Amino acid sequence: MATANPYRAPAAAVADAAEEFQPVNIYSTQGRIGRARYIAYSLGISILMGIVVAAVAGVLGAMGMGAVAGILTALLYLGLLVWMFMLTIQRAHDFDTTGWLSILMLIPLVNLISGSSRAPTARTASARRRRRTR
């Protein structure tokens, strides 16, 4: 009786695994965004916005248009707040909660408590994998 050679190449057709990531759309509330990208985008746009607002407010202030600078600063930061809500909604989707939790961003102490109690754990990650394979 011949034994199978354990060192021979497999005879089955092997295909490349399908891509297991979703393209990131940072201007949408649909989809998911990972922790590292969330932090990078949040920090990057906040720093960039601070530099732009400082430059514009400085120029307008030097020209004697302080009121215009104040209004423009408020509008730019309102846009930043909306964009941060969109990112936070995507981050909430990443750990399988509703995007409505992003409203907690407005309440500082509740935000801290909710963030620490809803931190993703290995148990939730394995549950997510089980749901995807069904």
N, C-alpha and C. Protein backbone atom coordinates (compact mmCIF):
# COMPACT_ATOMS: atom_id res chain seq x y z
N MET A 1 0.84 -1.18 0.00
CA MET A 1 0.00 0.00 0.00
C MET A 1 0.88 1.23 0.00
N ALA A 2 0.65 2.12 -0.95
CA ALA A 2 1.46 3.31 -1.08
C ALA A 2 0.95 4.38 -0.13
N THR A 3 1.85 5.08 0.49
CA THR A 3 1.47 6.18 1.39
C THR A 3 1.60 7.50 0.65
N ALA A 4 0.79 8.43 1.04
CA ALA A 4 0.82 9.75 0.41
C ALA A 4 2.06 10.51 0.87
N ASN A 5 2.65 11.21 -0.03
CA ASN A 5 3.84 12.00 0.28
C ASN A 5 3.38 13.28 0.97
N PRO A 6 3.75 13.51 2.23
CA PRO A 6 3.29 14.72 2.93
C PRO A 6 3.98 16.00 2.44
N TYR A 7 5.02 15.85 1.60
CA TYR A 7 5.78 17.03 1.17
C TYR A 7 5.44 17.50 -0.24
N ARG A 8 4.50 16.83 -0.90
CA ARG A 8 4.17 17.24 -2.26
C ARG A 8 3.24 18.46 -2.22
N ALA A 9 3.19 19.18 -3.31
CA ALA A 9 2.35 20.38 -3.40
C ALA A 9 0.88 19.98 -3.39
N PRO A 10 0.01 20.83 -2.85
CA PRO A 10 -1.41 20.49 -2.85
C PRO A 10 -1.97 20.45 -4.27
N ALA A 11 -2.90 19.56 -4.47
CA ALA A 11 -3.50 19.40 -5.80
C ALA A 11 -4.73 20.28 -5.98
N ALA A 12 -5.25 20.84 -4.91
CA ALA A 12 -6.45 21.66 -5.00
C ALA A 12 -6.12 23.01 -5.64
N ALA A 13 -7.10 23.56 -6.33
CA ALA A 13 -6.95 24.89 -6.91
C ALA A 13 -7.03 25.91 -5.78
N VAL A 14 -5.99 26.71 -5.66
CA VAL A 14 -5.92 27.70 -4.59
C VAL A 14 -6.08 29.09 -5.21
N ALA A 15 -7.06 29.82 -4.74
CA ALA A 15 -7.31 31.18 -5.24
C ALA A 15 -6.90 32.19 -4.18
N ASP A 16 -6.62 33.38 -4.62
CA ASP A 16 -6.30 34.44 -3.67
C ASP A 16 -7.53 34.77 -2.85
N ALA A 17 -7.30 35.10 -1.60
CA ALA A 17 -8.41 35.47 -0.72
C ALA A 17 -9.00 36.80 -1.17
N ALA A 18 -10.27 36.94 -0.96
CA ALA A 18 -10.95 38.20 -1.32
C ALA A 18 -10.48 39.32 -0.40
N GLU A 19 -10.51 40.51 -0.90
CA GLU A 19 -10.12 41.67 -0.09
C GLU A 19 -11.08 41.81 1.08
N GLU A 20 -10.55 41.99 2.28
CA GLU A 20 -11.40 42.08 3.46
C GLU A 20 -11.35 43.47 4.07
N PHE A 21 -11.39 44.47 3.22
CA PHE A 21 -11.45 45.82 3.74
C PHE A 21 -12.45 46.61 2.92
N GLN A 22 -12.90 47.67 3.53
CA GLN A 22 -13.88 48.52 2.88
C GLN A 22 -13.20 49.85 2.57
N PRO A 23 -13.40 50.40 1.39
CA PRO A 23 -12.79 51.69 1.10
C PRO A 23 -13.32 52.76 2.06
N VAL A 24 -12.44 53.63 2.49
CA VAL A 24 -12.80 54.65 3.47
C VAL A 24 -13.30 55.89 2.74
N ASN A 25 -14.46 56.36 3.13
CA ASN A 25 -15.01 57.60 2.61
C ASN A 25 -15.18 58.53 3.81
N ILE A 26 -14.27 59.48 3.96
CA ILE A 26 -14.30 60.31 5.16
C ILE A 26 -15.35 61.41 5.11
N TYR A 27 -16.06 61.51 4.00
CA TYR A 27 -17.12 62.52 3.89
C TYR A 27 -18.50 61.88 3.88
N SER A 28 -18.64 60.76 4.58
CA SER A 28 -19.90 60.04 4.62
C SER A 28 -20.13 59.52 6.04
N THR A 29 -21.38 59.24 6.34
CA THR A 29 -21.69 58.63 7.64
C THR A 29 -21.87 57.12 7.50
N GLN A 30 -21.75 56.60 6.29
CA GLN A 30 -21.88 55.17 6.05
C GLN A 30 -20.51 54.52 6.15
N GLY A 31 -20.49 53.27 6.55
CA GLY A 31 -19.25 52.52 6.57
C GLY A 31 -18.58 52.55 7.94
N ARG A 32 -17.34 52.08 7.94
CA ARG A 32 -16.58 51.96 9.17
C ARG A 32 -15.22 52.63 8.99
N ILE A 33 -14.64 53.04 10.10
CA ILE A 33 -13.29 53.58 10.07
C ILE A 33 -12.57 53.05 11.30
N GLY A 34 -11.36 52.60 11.10
CA GLY A 34 -10.58 52.01 12.19
C GLY A 34 -10.05 53.06 13.16
N ARG A 35 -9.54 52.55 14.26
CA ARG A 35 -9.06 53.42 15.33
C ARG A 35 -7.90 54.31 14.88
N ALA A 36 -6.91 53.72 14.18
CA ALA A 36 -5.74 54.50 13.77
C ALA A 36 -6.12 55.59 12.77
N ARG A 37 -6.95 55.26 11.81
CA ARG A 37 -7.37 56.28 10.84
C ARG A 37 -8.22 57.35 11.49
N TYR A 38 -9.07 56.95 12.43
CA TYR A 38 -9.90 57.93 13.14
C TYR A 38 -9.03 58.94 13.87
N ILE A 39 -8.03 58.44 14.58
CA ILE A 39 -7.14 59.33 15.33
C ILE A 39 -6.33 60.20 14.37
N ALA A 40 -5.81 59.59 13.30
CA ALA A 40 -4.99 60.34 12.35
C ALA A 40 -5.79 61.44 11.65
N TYR A 41 -6.98 61.09 11.16
CA TYR A 41 -7.80 62.09 10.48
C TYR A 41 -8.25 63.19 11.45
N SER A 42 -8.65 62.80 12.65
CA SER A 42 -9.12 63.79 13.62
C SER A 42 -8.00 64.75 14.00
N LEU A 43 -6.85 64.20 14.32
CA LEU A 43 -5.73 65.04 14.72
C LEU A 43 -5.22 65.89 13.56
N GLY A 44 -5.10 65.26 12.40
CA GLY A 44 -4.58 65.98 11.23
C GLY A 44 -5.46 67.14 10.81
N ILE A 45 -6.76 66.91 10.72
CA ILE A 45 -7.64 67.99 10.28
C ILE A 45 -7.75 69.08 11.36
N SER A 46 -7.67 68.69 12.63
CA SER A 46 -7.72 69.70 13.70
C SER A 46 -6.49 70.61 13.65
N ILE A 47 -5.33 70.02 13.45
CA ILE A 47 -4.11 70.83 13.36
C ILE A 47 -4.15 71.72 12.12
N LEU A 48 -4.53 71.15 10.99
CA LEU A 48 -4.62 71.91 9.76
C LEU A 48 -5.63 73.06 9.88
N MET A 49 -6.78 72.76 10.48
CA MET A 49 -7.80 73.79 10.67
C MET A 49 -7.30 74.90 11.59
N GLY A 50 -6.58 74.53 12.63
CA GLY A 50 -6.03 75.54 13.54
C GLY A 50 -5.06 76.47 12.84
N ILE A 51 -4.21 75.91 11.97
CA ILE A 51 -3.24 76.72 11.23
C ILE A 51 -3.96 77.66 10.26
N VAL A 52 -4.94 77.13 9.54
CA VAL A 52 -5.67 77.95 8.56
C VAL A 52 -6.44 79.07 9.26
N VAL A 53 -7.12 78.73 10.35
CA VAL A 53 -7.91 79.74 11.07
C VAL A 53 -6.99 80.81 11.65
N ALA A 54 -5.85 80.41 12.20
CA ALA A 54 -4.92 81.39 12.76
C ALA A 54 -4.40 82.33 11.68
N ALA A 55 -4.06 81.78 10.53
CA ALA A 55 -3.54 82.62 9.45
C ALA A 55 -4.61 83.59 8.93
N VAL A 56 -5.81 83.07 8.69
CA VAL A 56 -6.89 83.92 8.16
C VAL A 56 -7.30 84.98 9.18
N ALA A 57 -7.44 84.56 10.44
CA ALA A 57 -7.83 85.52 11.47
C ALA A 57 -6.74 86.57 11.69
N GLY A 58 -5.48 86.16 11.59
CA GLY A 58 -4.39 87.12 11.74
C GLY A 58 -4.38 88.15 10.63
N VAL A 59 -4.58 87.70 9.40
CA VAL A 59 -4.59 88.62 8.26
C VAL A 59 -5.79 89.55 8.35
N LEU A 60 -6.96 88.98 8.62
CA LEU A 60 -8.16 89.83 8.70
C LEU A 60 -8.09 90.76 9.90
N GLY A 61 -7.52 90.30 11.01
CA GLY A 61 -7.38 91.16 12.18
C GLY A 61 -6.44 92.32 11.92
N ALA A 62 -5.35 92.05 11.17
CA ALA A 62 -4.40 93.12 10.84
C ALA A 62 -5.01 94.14 9.90
N MET A 63 -5.98 93.70 9.12
CA MET A 63 -6.64 94.62 8.19
C MET A 63 -7.79 95.37 8.87
N GLY A 64 -8.02 95.11 10.15
CA GLY A 64 -9.07 95.81 10.88
C GLY A 64 -10.45 95.20 10.71
N MET A 65 -10.51 93.96 10.27
CA MET A 65 -11.79 93.29 10.09
C MET A 65 -11.93 92.16 11.10
N GLY A 66 -11.89 92.51 12.37
CA GLY A 66 -11.97 91.51 13.43
C GLY A 66 -13.31 90.80 13.47
N ALA A 67 -14.38 91.50 13.18
CA ALA A 67 -15.71 90.88 13.20
C ALA A 67 -15.84 89.82 12.11
N VAL A 68 -15.31 90.13 10.93
CA VAL A 68 -15.34 89.16 9.83
C VAL A 68 -14.51 87.95 10.19
N ALA A 69 -13.36 88.18 10.82
CA ALA A 69 -12.50 87.08 11.24
C ALA A 69 -13.22 86.19 12.25
N GLY A 70 -13.95 86.78 13.16
CA GLY A 70 -14.69 85.99 14.15
C GLY A 70 -15.78 85.15 13.53
N ILE A 71 -16.52 85.74 12.59
CA ILE A 71 -17.59 85.01 11.92
C ILE A 71 -17.02 83.87 11.07
N LEU A 72 -15.94 84.16 10.34
CA LEU A 72 -15.31 83.14 9.51
C LEU A 72 -14.74 82.00 10.36
N THR A 73 -14.15 82.34 11.49
CA THR A 73 -13.62 81.33 12.41
C THR A 73 -14.75 80.43 12.93
N ALA A 74 -15.86 81.04 13.31
CA ALA A 74 -17.00 80.26 13.80
C ALA A 74 -17.54 79.33 12.72
N LEU A 75 -17.62 79.80 11.48
CA LEU A 75 -18.11 78.95 10.38
C LEU A 75 -17.16 77.80 10.09
N LEU A 76 -15.86 78.08 10.11
CA LEU A 76 -14.89 77.01 9.86
C LEU A 76 -14.93 75.95 10.95
N TYR A 77 -15.04 76.37 12.20
CA TYR A 77 -15.10 75.40 13.28
C TYR A 77 -16.43 74.66 13.32
N LEU A 78 -17.49 75.26 12.84
CA LEU A 78 -18.76 74.55 12.72
C LEU A 78 -18.64 73.43 11.67
N GLY A 79 -17.97 73.74 10.57
CA GLY A 79 -17.70 72.71 9.56
C GLY A 79 -16.84 71.59 10.12
N LEU A 80 -15.85 71.94 10.94
CA LEU A 80 -15.00 70.93 11.57
C LEU A 80 -15.83 70.05 12.50
N LEU A 81 -16.75 70.65 13.24
CA LEU A 81 -17.59 69.89 14.16
C LEU A 81 -18.47 68.88 13.40
N VAL A 82 -19.04 69.31 12.27
CA VAL A 82 -19.87 68.42 11.46
C VAL A 82 -19.02 67.27 10.93
N TRP A 83 -17.82 67.56 10.44
CA TRP A 83 -16.93 66.54 9.91
C TRP A 83 -16.51 65.56 10.99
N MET A 84 -16.26 66.07 12.20
CA MET A 84 -15.89 65.19 13.32
C MET A 84 -17.06 64.28 13.70
N PHE A 85 -18.28 64.78 13.62
CA PHE A 85 -19.44 63.93 13.87
C PHE A 85 -19.51 62.80 12.84
N MET A 86 -19.22 63.11 11.59
CA MET A 86 -19.25 62.09 10.56
C MET A 86 -18.21 61.01 10.82
N LEU A 87 -17.02 61.40 11.22
CA LEU A 87 -15.98 60.42 11.54
C LEU A 87 -16.36 59.59 12.76
N THR A 88 -16.94 60.25 13.77
CA THR A 88 -17.32 59.53 14.98
C THR A 88 -18.44 58.53 14.70
N ILE A 89 -19.35 58.85 13.81
CA ILE A 89 -20.40 57.91 13.44
C ILE A 89 -19.78 56.67 12.78
N GLN A 90 -18.82 56.89 11.89
CA GLN A 90 -18.15 55.75 11.26
C GLN A 90 -17.38 54.92 12.29
N ARG A 91 -16.77 55.59 13.25
CA ARG A 91 -16.03 54.86 14.30
C ARG A 91 -17.00 54.05 15.16
N ALA A 92 -18.17 54.60 15.45
CA ALA A 92 -19.17 53.86 16.22
C ALA A 92 -19.64 52.64 15.45
N HIS A 93 -19.77 52.75 14.14
CA HIS A 93 -20.16 51.61 13.32
C HIS A 93 -19.08 50.53 13.38
N ASP A 94 -17.81 50.94 13.53
CA ASP A 94 -16.73 49.96 13.56
C ASP A 94 -16.82 49.04 14.76
N PHE A 95 -17.30 49.54 15.89
CA PHE A 95 -17.46 48.62 17.02
C PHE A 95 -18.93 48.30 17.29
N ASP A 96 -19.69 48.21 16.21
CA ASP A 96 -21.06 47.68 16.21
C ASP A 96 -22.01 48.38 17.17
N THR A 97 -21.97 49.69 17.19
CA THR A 97 -22.97 50.45 17.93
C THR A 97 -23.60 51.46 16.97
N THR A 98 -24.61 52.10 17.42
CA THR A 98 -25.32 53.06 16.59
C THR A 98 -24.53 54.36 16.48
N GLY A 99 -24.68 55.02 15.36
CA GLY A 99 -24.01 56.30 15.15
C GLY A 99 -24.57 57.42 16.00
N TRP A 100 -25.76 57.18 16.57
CA TRP A 100 -26.37 58.20 17.42
C TRP A 100 -25.53 58.45 18.67
N LEU A 101 -24.66 57.53 19.02
CA LEU A 101 -23.80 57.75 20.19
C LEU A 101 -22.81 58.89 19.96
N SER A 102 -22.66 59.33 18.73
CA SER A 102 -21.76 60.45 18.46
C SER A 102 -22.26 61.75 19.10
N ILE A 103 -23.55 61.79 19.42
CA ILE A 103 -24.09 62.98 20.10
C ILE A 103 -23.45 63.15 21.47
N LEU A 104 -22.97 62.05 22.05
CA LEU A 104 -22.32 62.13 23.36
C LEU A 104 -21.03 62.95 23.30
N MET A 105 -20.55 63.25 22.09
CA MET A 105 -19.38 64.11 21.95
C MET A 105 -19.63 65.48 22.56
N LEU A 106 -20.88 65.88 22.62
CA LEU A 106 -21.22 67.21 23.13
C LEU A 106 -21.25 67.28 24.66
N ILE A 107 -21.31 66.12 25.32
CA ILE A 107 -21.41 66.08 26.78
C ILE A 107 -20.11 65.47 27.31
N PRO A 108 -19.20 66.27 27.83
CA PRO A 108 -17.85 65.79 28.14
C PRO A 108 -17.78 64.60 29.09
N LEU A 109 -18.41 64.65 30.26
CA LEU A 109 -18.25 63.56 31.22
C LEU A 109 -18.94 62.28 30.76
N VAL A 110 -20.10 62.40 30.15
CA VAL A 110 -20.80 61.22 29.64
C VAL A 110 -19.98 60.59 28.53
N ASN A 111 -19.33 61.40 27.74
CA ASN A 111 -18.49 60.91 26.66
C ASN A 111 -17.37 60.04 27.20
N LEU A 112 -16.72 60.45 28.27
CA LEU A 112 -15.64 59.67 28.85
C LEU A 112 -16.14 58.35 29.41
N ILE A 113 -17.27 58.38 30.11
CA ILE A 113 -17.81 57.16 30.70
C ILE A 113 -18.25 56.19 29.60
N SER A 114 -18.93 56.69 28.60
CA SER A 114 -19.42 55.85 27.52
C SER A 114 -18.26 55.27 26.72
N GLY A 115 -17.24 56.06 26.49
CA GLY A 115 -16.09 55.59 25.72
C GLY A 115 -15.36 54.47 26.40
N SER A 116 -15.25 54.52 27.72
CA SER A 116 -14.53 53.46 28.42
C SER A 116 -15.39 52.22 28.60
N SER A 117 -16.71 52.38 28.68
CA SER A 117 -17.55 51.21 28.88
C SER A 117 -17.85 50.48 27.59
N ARG A 118 -17.70 51.13 26.45
CA ARG A 118 -17.99 50.51 25.16
C ARG A 118 -16.73 50.17 24.39
N ALA A 119 -15.61 50.09 25.07
CA ALA A 119 -14.37 49.77 24.38
C ALA A 119 -14.46 48.35 23.82
N PRO A 120 -14.03 48.17 22.57
CA PRO A 120 -14.12 46.84 21.98
C PRO A 120 -13.19 45.87 22.70
N THR A 121 -13.66 44.68 22.91
CA THR A 121 -12.87 43.65 23.57
C THR A 121 -12.69 42.48 22.63
N ALA A 122 -11.90 41.53 23.04
CA ALA A 122 -11.69 40.34 22.21
C ALA A 122 -13.00 39.59 22.03
N ARG A 123 -13.86 39.64 23.03
CA ARG A 123 -15.14 38.94 22.94
C ARG A 123 -16.02 39.56 21.85
N THR A 124 -16.06 40.89 21.78
CA THR A 124 -16.88 41.51 20.74
C THR A 124 -16.26 41.32 19.37
N ALA A 125 -14.94 41.28 19.30
CA ALA A 125 -14.29 41.06 18.00
C ALA A 125 -14.58 39.67 17.48
N SER A 126 -14.55 38.67 18.37
CA SER A 126 -14.84 37.31 17.91
C SER A 126 -16.32 37.18 17.53
N ALA A 127 -17.20 37.88 18.23
CA ALA A 127 -18.63 37.85 17.87
C ALA A 127 -18.84 38.47 16.50
N ARG A 128 -18.10 39.55 16.18
CA ARG A 128 -18.20 40.18 14.87
C ARG A 128 -17.76 39.21 13.78
N ARG A 129 -16.67 38.49 14.03
CA ARG A 129 -16.19 37.53 13.03
C ARG A 129 -17.20 36.42 12.81
N ARG A 130 -17.84 35.97 13.88
CA ARG A 130 -18.85 34.92 13.72
C ARG A 130 -20.03 35.41 12.90
N ARG A 131 -20.45 36.67 13.11
CA ARG A 131 -21.58 37.20 12.36
C ARG A 131 -21.23 37.34 10.87
N ARG A 132 -19.99 37.68 10.56
CA ARG A 132 -19.60 37.86 9.17
C ARG A 132 -19.55 36.54 8.41
N THR A 133 -19.25 35.45 9.10
CA THR A 133 -19.11 34.17 8.42
C THR A 133 -20.44 33.49 8.19
N ARG A 134 -21.50 33.97 8.76
CA ARG A 134 -22.82 33.34 8.57
C ARG A 134 -23.38 33.61 7.22
